[in-house]
Amino acid sequence: MGVKLTVKDKRILFELDSNSRQTISEIAKKAGLSRDIVNYRISQLVKKGVIGGFYTVIDISKLGYLFCRIFLRFQKIDPKKEDEIIQYCKQTPSIGWLYTIDNRWNLVFAVYVKNIHELEQLYDNLNYRYGDYLAERNVSIATEIHHFRHNYLFGTTDFSERVLGGPETEKADNVDMRLLRVLSNDARLPMLEIAKKVGLTPNAVKYRMKRLIKNNVILGFRAKIDTKMLGYEHYKVFLFLENTTKKLMVKLNTFLRFHPNVVYITKAIGTSDLEFEAMLHNRNELHELMKGLRVKFSDILRDYETMLLFEEVMIGYL
């Protein structure tokens, strides 16, 4: 049984996921509750494991980084060795996002690198160390990632999006990078603590944060919600298309964007023509979603592959 959320819990979660740097007072006003009750409910959601922390969505492409993914399928491996590989990935500085998978692949992680040579070095190091346990590998580069609200969870119709991807536009200095790293680890960290960690005054931190938000380097501050605790499964779908046109691609993207359970759409080189991720109760719901896609887009949908993203081991954008 998953954790049952009240209407007020959902509103608090919605506000934290919309902007987790909001104060307790701001959230309390929007939720129609007292500060003490909001504080208590947030602490309970953390205690129950529904909230696993708060993170900052950073468009690393604006800083000159590539968003690469490496998919691994294991062979001749026991749980101890698998955990060793996961720990190795967690301790690799350029790896910022890691998921275990239940499907053809066993593990996927995101690598943030400045160029293809850095990616090659990481890939080679992984292969030299654990190549005997890797039956298959695949590398892809994400060019656009569209982030959506958890409308399925909150019963909302907020279909706004945050888009990661684009040319380098921000010449971030070392102080900016320190600030982004601090925010990446804890989006709700108080301003005074951020200032202390970065070595600036609170006003200087506010100025830099406003500039980074204005220039779309910081795309948002979100809550890390464990949707498994709420009875949902996280599916990733690779779409293989044919006979596409710009008009049909817009239609397909619009269909996915306005589906309440779809939380990401990804354009990437090296995997499929389009990817999306959806939060669903079970495979029956996935089957219904894919049946609807096949009917609506039968003229361009040649094939697809699905996978269950089992556990989010880590998330960070820098």
Protein backbone atom coordinates (compact mmCIF):
# COMPACT_ATOMS: atom_id res chain seq x y z
CA MET A 1 0.00 0.00 0.00
CA GLY A 2 1.26 3.46 -0.92
CA VAL A 3 1.05 6.60 1.20
CA LYS A 4 -2.36 8.28 0.93
CA LEU A 5 -2.16 12.03 0.39
CA THR A 6 -4.81 14.44 1.61
CA VAL A 7 -5.98 17.34 -0.56
CA LYS A 8 -3.86 19.70 1.54
CA ASP A 9 -0.81 17.41 1.23
CA LYS A 10 -1.20 17.51 -2.55
CA ARG A 11 -1.41 21.30 -2.54
CA ILE A 12 1.73 21.57 -0.41
CA LEU A 13 3.55 19.12 -2.69
CA PHE A 14 2.38 21.03 -5.77
CA GLU A 15 3.79 24.27 -4.37
CA LEU A 16 7.09 22.63 -3.40
CA ASP A 17 7.40 21.10 -6.86
CA SER A 18 6.48 24.39 -8.54
CA ASN A 19 9.07 26.35 -6.57
CA SER A 20 10.69 24.63 -3.63
CA ARG A 21 12.40 27.87 -2.56
CA GLN A 22 9.07 29.31 -1.44
CA THR A 23 8.92 30.13 2.25
CA ILE A 24 6.66 28.22 4.61
CA SER A 25 4.57 31.38 4.95
CA GLU A 26 4.07 31.64 1.17
CA ILE A 27 3.05 27.99 0.91
CA ALA A 28 0.75 28.30 3.93
CA LYS A 29 -1.05 31.28 2.39
CA LYS A 30 -1.63 29.43 -0.90
CA ALA A 31 -2.71 26.22 0.84
CA GLY A 32 -5.02 27.99 3.31
CA LEU A 33 -3.19 26.55 6.32
CA SER A 34 -1.13 27.86 9.21
CA ARG A 35 2.67 27.92 9.06
CA ASP A 36 2.92 25.32 11.83
CA ILE A 37 0.63 22.88 10.04
CA VAL A 38 2.52 23.29 6.73
CA ASN A 39 5.81 22.79 8.52
CA TYR A 40 4.48 19.67 10.22
CA ARG A 41 3.04 18.21 7.01
CA ILE A 42 6.28 18.77 5.10
CA SER A 43 8.27 17.07 7.88
CA GLN A 44 5.83 14.14 7.78
CA LEU A 45 6.14 13.82 4.00
CA VAL A 46 9.92 13.76 4.40
CA LYS A 47 9.71 11.24 7.26
CA LYS A 48 7.45 8.92 5.23
CA GLY A 49 9.84 9.08 2.27
CA VAL A 50 7.45 10.87 -0.08
CA ILE A 51 9.87 13.79 -0.30
CA GLY A 52 13.47 12.72 -0.72
CA GLY A 53 14.95 16.20 -0.92
CA PHE A 54 14.91 19.27 -3.13
CA TYR A 55 16.92 19.87 -6.28
CA THR A 56 17.56 22.63 -8.79
CA VAL A 57 16.89 22.06 -12.49
CA ILE A 58 19.92 23.50 -14.26
CA ASP A 59 20.21 23.78 -18.04
CA ILE A 60 23.77 22.52 -18.26
CA SER A 61 23.79 23.07 -22.03
CA LYS A 62 23.76 26.84 -21.32
CA LEU A 63 27.06 26.28 -19.50
CA GLY A 64 28.61 24.39 -22.42
CA TYR A 65 27.97 20.83 -21.23
CA LEU A 66 26.61 17.86 -23.18
CA PHE A 67 23.84 15.82 -21.53
CA CYS A 68 24.84 12.23 -22.36
CA ARG A 69 23.23 8.99 -21.23
CA ILE A 70 24.87 5.57 -20.94
CA PHE A 71 22.66 2.46 -20.83
CA LEU A 72 24.14 -0.79 -19.48
CA ARG A 73 22.99 -4.40 -19.55
CA PHE A 74 24.82 -6.70 -17.13
CA GLN A 75 26.03 -10.27 -17.50
CA LYS A 76 27.55 -12.83 -15.09
CA ILE A 77 26.99 -10.47 -12.19
CA ASP A 78 25.87 -10.88 -8.58
CA PRO A 79 24.12 -8.23 -6.44
CA LYS A 80 27.37 -7.32 -4.69
CA LYS A 81 29.16 -6.52 -7.95
CA GLU A 82 26.11 -4.66 -9.27
CA ASP A 83 26.09 -2.49 -6.14
CA GLU A 84 29.83 -1.88 -6.61
CA ILE A 85 29.19 -0.55 -10.13
CA ILE A 86 26.39 1.68 -8.84
CA GLN A 87 28.65 3.05 -6.10
CA TYR A 88 31.41 3.65 -8.66
CA CYS A 89 28.97 5.67 -10.77
CA LYS A 90 27.72 7.64 -7.75
CA GLN A 91 31.30 8.62 -6.90
CA THR A 92 32.14 9.74 -10.45
CA PRO A 93 31.89 13.57 -10.43
CA SER A 94 30.56 13.92 -13.98
CA ILE A 95 27.65 11.50 -13.38
CA GLY A 96 24.64 13.38 -12.03
CA TRP A 97 21.58 11.16 -12.56
CA LEU A 98 21.29 7.40 -12.07
CA TYR A 99 18.42 4.93 -12.40
CA THR A 100 18.13 1.16 -12.09
CA ILE A 101 15.93 -0.40 -14.80
CA ASP A 102 13.75 -3.48 -15.15
CA ASN A 103 13.90 -4.38 -18.85
CA ARG A 104 16.47 -4.97 -21.57
CA TRP A 105 18.78 -2.56 -19.74
CA ASN A 106 19.77 -2.75 -16.07
CA LEU A 107 21.22 0.68 -15.44
CA VAL A 108 21.14 4.14 -17.03
CA PHE A 109 23.01 7.24 -15.95
CA ALA A 110 23.51 10.78 -17.20
CA VAL A 111 26.99 12.14 -17.83
CA TYR A 112 27.71 15.86 -18.04
CA VAL A 113 30.81 16.52 -20.16
CA LYS A 114 32.28 19.45 -22.07
CA ASN A 115 33.15 17.44 -25.18
CA ILE A 116 33.05 14.00 -26.72
CA HIS A 117 36.60 13.22 -25.58
CA GLU A 118 35.60 13.54 -21.91
CA LEU A 119 32.73 11.15 -22.59
CA GLU A 120 35.08 8.71 -24.29
CA GLN A 121 37.46 8.79 -21.32
CA LEU A 122 34.66 8.04 -18.84
CA TYR A 123 33.28 5.31 -21.10
CA ASP A 124 36.71 3.70 -21.47
CA ASN A 125 37.41 3.84 -17.72
CA LEU A 126 34.09 2.14 -17.02
CA ASN A 127 34.79 -0.51 -19.64
CA TYR A 128 38.34 -1.19 -18.42
CA ARG A 129 37.09 -1.63 -14.86
CA TYR A 130 33.83 -3.53 -15.39
CA GLY A 131 33.82 -4.64 -19.04
CA ASP A 132 33.57 -8.34 -18.14
CA TYR A 133 30.19 -7.67 -16.51
CA LEU A 134 28.73 -5.60 -19.35
CA ALA A 135 26.80 -7.58 -21.98
CA GLU A 136 25.64 -4.49 -23.86
CA ARG A 137 26.17 -0.73 -23.77
CA ASN A 138 24.55 2.19 -25.53
CA VAL A 139 25.46 5.88 -25.54
CA SER A 140 23.16 8.71 -26.53
CA ILE A 141 23.17 12.50 -26.32
CA ALA A 142 20.01 14.29 -25.22
CA THR A 143 19.50 17.52 -27.18
CA GLU A 144 16.23 18.64 -25.56
CA ILE A 145 14.47 17.55 -22.37
CA HIS A 146 10.99 18.96 -21.68
CA HIS A 147 9.98 18.87 -18.00
CA PHE A 148 6.29 18.88 -17.05
CA ARG A 149 4.25 19.10 -13.85
CA HIS A 150 2.92 16.06 -11.99
CA ASN A 151 -0.67 16.85 -13.05
CA TYR A 152 -1.73 13.20 -12.58
CA LEU A 153 -0.73 13.47 -8.93
CA PHE A 154 -2.15 16.86 -8.01
CA GLY A 155 -5.30 16.82 -10.15
CA THR A 156 -4.09 20.04 -11.81
CA THR A 157 -4.07 21.26 -15.40
CA ASP A 158 -0.80 23.18 -15.35
CA PHE A 159 0.78 22.20 -18.67
CA SER A 160 3.66 24.66 -18.54
CA GLU A 161 7.08 23.27 -19.38
CA ARG A 162 10.74 23.80 -18.64
CA VAL A 163 13.06 22.97 -21.52
CA LEU A 164 16.65 21.86 -20.98
CA GLY A 165 18.75 22.15 -24.14
CA GLY A 166 20.18 24.74 -26.46
CA PRO A 167 23.41 26.53 -27.36
CA GLU A 168 25.88 27.77 -24.74
CA THR A 169 24.87 31.26 -23.69
CA GLU A 170 26.20 31.82 -20.18
CA LYS A 171 29.82 32.57 -19.34
CA ALA A 172 29.65 31.36 -15.74
CA ASP A 173 32.60 32.18 -13.50
CA ASN A 174 33.89 30.02 -10.65
CA VAL A 175 31.57 31.72 -8.15
CA ASP A 176 28.53 31.00 -10.34
CA MET A 177 29.58 27.36 -10.56
CA ARG A 178 30.01 27.12 -6.76
CA LEU A 179 26.55 28.64 -6.32
CA LEU A 180 24.97 26.22 -8.81
CA ARG A 181 26.61 23.22 -7.14
CA VAL A 182 25.29 24.27 -3.74
CA LEU A 183 21.77 24.79 -5.10
CA SER A 184 21.92 21.54 -7.04
CA ASN A 185 22.37 19.59 -3.82
CA ASP A 186 19.67 21.40 -1.82
CA ALA A 187 17.28 23.82 -3.51
CA ARG A 188 15.68 24.86 -0.17
CA LEU A 189 18.92 25.78 1.57
CA PRO A 190 18.44 29.12 3.40
CA MET A 191 20.03 32.17 1.78
CA LEU A 192 22.42 32.78 4.69
CA GLU A 193 23.77 29.22 4.45
CA ILE A 194 24.16 29.51 0.66
CA ALA A 195 26.06 32.77 1.11
CA LYS A 196 28.36 31.17 3.68
CA LYS A 197 29.10 28.16 1.45
CA VAL A 198 29.72 30.29 -1.64
CA GLY A 199 31.66 33.05 0.14
CA LEU A 200 29.38 35.96 -0.78
CA THR A 201 26.93 38.27 0.95
CA PRO A 202 23.24 37.25 0.80
CA ASN A 203 22.52 40.21 -1.54
CA ALA A 204 25.28 39.12 -3.91
CA VAL A 205 23.85 35.58 -3.93
CA LYS A 206 20.35 36.94 -4.69
CA TYR A 207 21.74 39.01 -7.58
CA ARG A 208 23.53 36.04 -9.12
CA MET A 209 20.53 33.74 -8.68
CA LYS A 210 18.23 36.28 -10.38
CA ARG A 211 20.66 36.55 -13.31
CA LEU A 212 20.96 32.78 -13.68
CA ILE A 213 17.15 32.44 -13.59
CA LYS A 214 16.68 35.28 -16.10
CA ASN A 215 19.19 33.69 -18.49
CA ASN A 216 17.44 30.28 -18.15
CA VAL A 217 20.44 28.56 -16.58
CA ILE A 218 18.30 27.84 -13.52
CA LEU A 219 15.01 26.45 -14.84
CA GLY A 220 13.35 25.77 -11.51
CA PHE A 221 13.50 24.43 -7.96
CA ARG A 222 11.67 21.13 -7.49
CA ALA A 223 10.89 18.52 -4.87
CA LYS A 224 12.25 15.01 -5.30
CA ILE A 225 9.00 13.06 -5.00
CA ASP A 226 9.16 9.28 -4.55
CA THR A 227 6.16 8.40 -6.70
CA LYS A 228 6.58 4.71 -5.86
CA MET A 229 5.49 5.59 -2.32
CA LEU A 230 2.31 6.99 -3.85
CA GLY A 231 1.50 3.90 -5.91
CA TYR A 232 2.98 4.93 -9.27
CA GLU A 233 5.49 3.27 -11.58
CA HIS A 234 7.91 5.26 -13.74
CA TYR A 235 8.00 4.16 -17.39
CA LYS A 236 10.27 5.32 -20.19
CA VAL A 237 9.16 4.81 -23.80
CA PHE A 238 11.30 4.97 -26.94
CA LEU A 239 9.37 5.77 -30.11
CA PHE A 240 10.64 4.71 -33.54
CA LEU A 241 8.97 6.76 -36.27
CA GLU A 242 8.72 6.87 -40.05
CA ASN A 243 7.26 9.19 -42.69
CA THR A 244 7.34 12.06 -40.23
CA THR A 245 6.71 15.68 -41.05
CA LYS A 246 7.13 18.80 -38.95
CA LYS A 247 3.34 19.07 -38.62
CA LEU A 248 2.98 15.47 -37.42
CA MET A 249 5.85 15.85 -34.95
CA VAL A 250 4.17 18.93 -33.48
CA LYS A 251 0.93 16.96 -33.19
CA LEU A 252 2.70 14.05 -31.45
CA ASN A 253 4.56 16.32 -29.04
CA THR A 254 1.33 18.18 -28.25
CA PHE A 255 -0.47 14.91 -27.51
CA LEU A 256 2.26 13.86 -25.09
CA ARG A 257 2.64 17.27 -23.48
CA PHE A 258 -1.03 17.50 -22.57
CA HIS A 259 -1.29 13.96 -21.25
CA PRO A 260 -1.51 14.37 -17.44
CA ASN A 261 0.76 11.38 -16.74
CA VAL A 262 3.64 12.38 -19.04
CA VAL A 263 6.43 14.10 -17.09
CA TYR A 264 9.28 14.28 -19.64
CA ILE A 265 9.72 14.37 -23.42
CA THR A 266 13.27 13.91 -24.70
CA LYS A 267 14.88 14.41 -28.09
CA ALA A 268 18.14 12.50 -28.33
CA ILE A 269 20.76 11.25 -30.75
CA GLY A 270 21.58 7.55 -30.52
CA THR A 271 18.48 5.88 -29.08
CA SER A 272 15.18 6.53 -30.89
CA ASP A 273 13.31 9.28 -32.72
CA LEU A 274 11.55 10.49 -29.58
CA GLU A 275 11.38 9.49 -25.91
CA PHE A 276 8.90 10.20 -23.18
CA GLU A 277 8.41 9.26 -19.54
CA ALA A 278 5.10 8.68 -17.78
CA MET A 279 3.99 7.97 -14.22
CA LEU A 280 1.35 5.23 -14.23
CA HIS A 281 -0.16 2.83 -11.73
CA ASN A 282 0.75 -0.33 -13.66
CA ARG A 283 1.47 -1.90 -17.04
CA ASN A 284 -2.24 -2.00 -17.84
CA GLU A 285 -2.27 1.79 -17.88
CA LEU A 286 0.90 1.76 -20.00
CA HIS A 287 -0.82 -0.61 -22.43
CA GLU A 288 -3.80 1.76 -22.71
CA LEU A 289 -1.54 4.75 -23.27
CA MET A 290 0.41 2.98 -26.02
CA LYS A 291 -2.81 1.71 -27.62
CA GLY A 292 -4.04 5.29 -27.83
CA LEU A 293 -0.74 6.37 -29.39
CA ARG A 294 -0.84 3.54 -31.94
CA VAL A 295 -4.37 4.46 -32.99
CA LYS A 296 -3.75 8.22 -33.18
CA PHE A 297 -0.33 8.03 -34.83
CA SER A 298 -0.50 4.78 -36.81
CA ASP A 299 0.82 6.57 -39.90
CA ILE A 300 4.18 7.44 -38.28
CA LEU A 301 4.62 5.10 -35.28
CA ARG A 302 6.66 2.20 -36.63
CA ASP A 303 7.67 0.59 -33.32
CA TYR A 304 8.34 1.34 -29.68
CA GLU A 305 10.23 0.00 -26.68
CA THR A 306 9.22 0.42 -23.03
CA MET A 307 11.16 0.09 -19.81
CA LEU A 308 10.37 0.40 -16.12
CA LEU A 309 12.65 2.88 -14.36
CA PHE A 310 12.83 1.02 -11.08
CA GLU A 311 14.76 3.18 -8.63
CA GLU A 312 16.13 6.70 -8.87
CA VAL A 313 19.46 6.30 -7.12
CA MET A 314 20.55 9.91 -7.53
CA ILE A 315 19.49 13.12 -9.26
CA GLY A 316 21.49 16.26 -9.81
CA TYR A 317 22.06 18.62 -12.72
CA LEU A 318 25.65 19.60 -12.00
